[in-house]
Protein backbone atom coordinates (compact mmCIF):
# COMPACT_ATOMS: atom_id res chain seq x y z
CA UNK A 1 45.45 -105.66 -119.97
CA UNK A 2 45.99 -105.88 -117.00
CA UNK A 3 45.84 -103.27 -113.62
CA UNK A 4 48.31 -102.19 -114.34
CA UNK A 5 48.33 -100.92 -117.88
CA UNK A 6 45.36 -99.18 -117.21
CA UNK A 7 46.31 -97.58 -114.22
CA UNK A 8 49.25 -96.07 -116.38
CA UNK A 9 47.32 -95.32 -119.56
CA UNK A 10 43.97 -93.28 -116.84
CA UNK A 11 47.67 -91.15 -115.99
CA UNK A 12 49.11 -91.08 -119.26
CA UNK A 13 45.95 -89.48 -120.86
CA UNK A 14 46.37 -86.78 -117.92
CA UNK A 15 48.54 -83.84 -120.12
CA UNK A 16 47.74 -80.06 -118.31
CA UNK A 17 47.33 -77.63 -120.31
CA UNK A 18 49.20 -74.26 -121.62
CA UNK A 19 48.76 -71.97 -118.90
CA UNK A 20 50.67 -75.44 -116.48
CA UNK A 21 53.41 -75.55 -118.13
CA UNK A 22 53.66 -71.54 -118.69
CA UNK A 23 53.09 -70.47 -115.07
CA UNK A 24 56.10 -73.42 -114.11
CA UNK A 25 58.91 -72.18 -114.46
CA UNK A 26 60.19 -74.06 -111.79
CA UNK A 27 60.56 -77.03 -114.04
CA UNK A 28 59.06 -79.36 -111.36
CA UNK A 29 56.75 -81.33 -113.99
CA UNK A 30 59.06 -81.56 -116.75
CA UNK A 31 58.61 -84.41 -118.44
CA UNK A 32 61.59 -86.95 -120.11
CA UNK A 33 60.42 -87.96 -123.27
CA UNK A 34 59.05 -91.35 -121.73
CA UNK A 35 56.70 -89.07 -119.90
CA UNK A 36 57.62 -89.78 -116.54
CA UNK A 37 58.44 -86.64 -114.40
CA UNK A 38 61.68 -86.83 -112.92
CA UNK A 39 61.88 -88.36 -109.37
CA UNK A 40 63.94 -86.01 -107.99
CA UNK A 41 61.87 -83.25 -109.27
CA UNK A 42 58.72 -84.44 -106.73
CA UNK A 43 60.99 -85.29 -104.13
CA UNK A 44 62.43 -81.61 -103.94
CA UNK A 45 58.58 -80.45 -104.47
CA UNK A 46 57.33 -82.87 -101.34
CA UNK A 47 59.88 -81.64 -99.53
CA UNK A 48 58.53 -77.68 -100.00
CA UNK A 49 55.02 -78.75 -98.71
CA UNK A 50 56.10 -81.03 -95.56
CA UNK A 51 56.66 -78.01 -94.12
CA UNK A 52 53.44 -76.56 -94.27
CA UNK A 53 51.18 -77.88 -91.77
CA UNK A 54 48.47 -77.46 -94.74
CA UNK A 55 49.13 -79.50 -96.81
CA UNK A 56 46.76 -81.75 -98.77
CA UNK A 57 46.90 -85.29 -97.11
CA UNK A 58 48.09 -86.44 -100.58
CA UNK A 59 50.99 -83.80 -100.75
CA UNK A 60 51.83 -85.21 -97.35
CA UNK A 61 54.79 -87.87 -97.04
CA UNK A 62 53.45 -91.65 -95.35
CA UNK A 63 54.81 -93.73 -92.86
CA UNK A 64 54.19 -97.26 -92.90
CA UNK A 65 52.87 -98.65 -89.78
CA UNK A 66 53.45 -102.68 -90.64
CA UNK A 67 50.82 -104.68 -88.04
CA UNK A 68 50.05 -107.41 -87.41
CA UNK A 69 45.90 -108.14 -88.38
CA UNK A 70 44.47 -108.29 -85.52
CA UNK A 71 45.96 -104.55 -83.78
CA UNK A 72 44.86 -103.38 -87.40
CA UNK A 73 41.33 -104.66 -87.19
CA UNK A 74 41.27 -103.01 -82.86
CA UNK A 75 42.87 -99.37 -85.32
CA UNK A 76 40.06 -99.49 -87.77
CA UNK A 77 37.25 -100.59 -85.40
CA UNK A 78 38.34 -97.70 -83.39
CA UNK A 79 38.38 -94.81 -85.89
CA UNK A 80 34.76 -96.17 -86.90
CA UNK A 81 33.54 -95.91 -83.84
CA UNK A 82 34.99 -92.50 -83.36
CA UNK A 83 33.56 -91.70 -86.98
CA UNK A 84 30.27 -93.29 -86.03
CA UNK A 85 30.47 -90.70 -83.05
CA UNK A 86 31.36 -87.74 -84.86
CA UNK A 87 28.59 -88.26 -87.37
CA UNK A 88 25.69 -89.43 -84.70
CA UNK A 89 26.51 -85.80 -82.80
CA UNK A 90 25.93 -83.94 -86.16
CA UNK A 91 30.02 -83.03 -86.76
CA UNK A 92 29.73 -84.58 -90.52
CA UNK A 93 32.54 -87.81 -89.26
CA UNK A 94 36.03 -88.00 -89.25
CA UNK A 95 38.48 -87.50 -91.85
CA UNK A 96 40.78 -90.97 -91.39
CA UNK A 97 44.48 -88.76 -92.32
CA UNK A 98 43.37 -85.60 -91.63
CA UNK A 99 41.37 -85.74 -88.11
CA UNK A 100 41.39 -89.05 -86.94
CA UNK A 101 45.77 -90.39 -87.60
CA UNK A 102 46.81 -86.73 -86.80
CA UNK A 103 44.90 -86.89 -83.03
CA UNK A 104 45.95 -90.43 -82.72
CA UNK A 105 50.21 -89.52 -83.20
CA UNK A 106 49.58 -86.19 -81.46
CA UNK A 107 48.46 -87.88 -78.44
CA UNK A 108 50.09 -90.17 -77.54
CA UNK A 109 53.63 -87.91 -78.42
CA UNK A 110 51.56 -84.64 -76.74
CA UNK A 111 49.90 -86.00 -74.36
CA UNK A 112 51.00 -89.67 -73.04
CA UNK A 113 54.09 -89.70 -73.48
CA UNK A 114 55.75 -90.66 -70.56
CA UNK A 115 53.13 -93.56 -70.14
CA UNK A 116 53.75 -94.57 -73.79
CA UNK A 117 57.39 -94.75 -72.18
CA UNK A 118 56.71 -96.71 -69.23
CA UNK A 119 54.40 -99.00 -71.45
CA UNK A 120 57.54 -99.59 -73.91
CA UNK A 121 59.17 -100.67 -70.29
CA UNK A 122 61.91 -98.05 -71.60
CA UNK A 123 61.60 -95.60 -68.76
CA UNK A 124 64.57 -97.13 -66.29
CA UNK A 125 66.95 -96.86 -69.17
C-alpha cells in the first residue's frame, strides 16, 4: 500500500456525525457518490474565512515561495534563532506561520517598504 493510499483511507474513514449534517444548512460539506467534497464549495468556504484576521492557519490560502536552497536554509535558521530566543525568554517559542511569517511579511511591507524597493533597484522607475 502506497503512502497516498494510507492518507486516502485515513481521510475517508473520517465521517462527520449526525449533528454536523444537521447544523450545516449551507451544503458546503456535501459530497458526491465517490465521497469527495465539491472543490467549488471548499473554495467558497476558504474565501469567506480569509476575510477574518482570526482564521486558523489551515483555513488560510497558501502563498508559495520558491527559494534557492541556501535562502531556504537561511530563512529556517533565522526562524530557529528567533524561536530559541523566545523560548529562552520564557515566551514559549514562535509559531512559524502565525508569528514568524506574519511578522516577517508585515515588517517588510509596513516598516521597510522603501528600503526594499531600493534593494530591488526599483526606486528610480
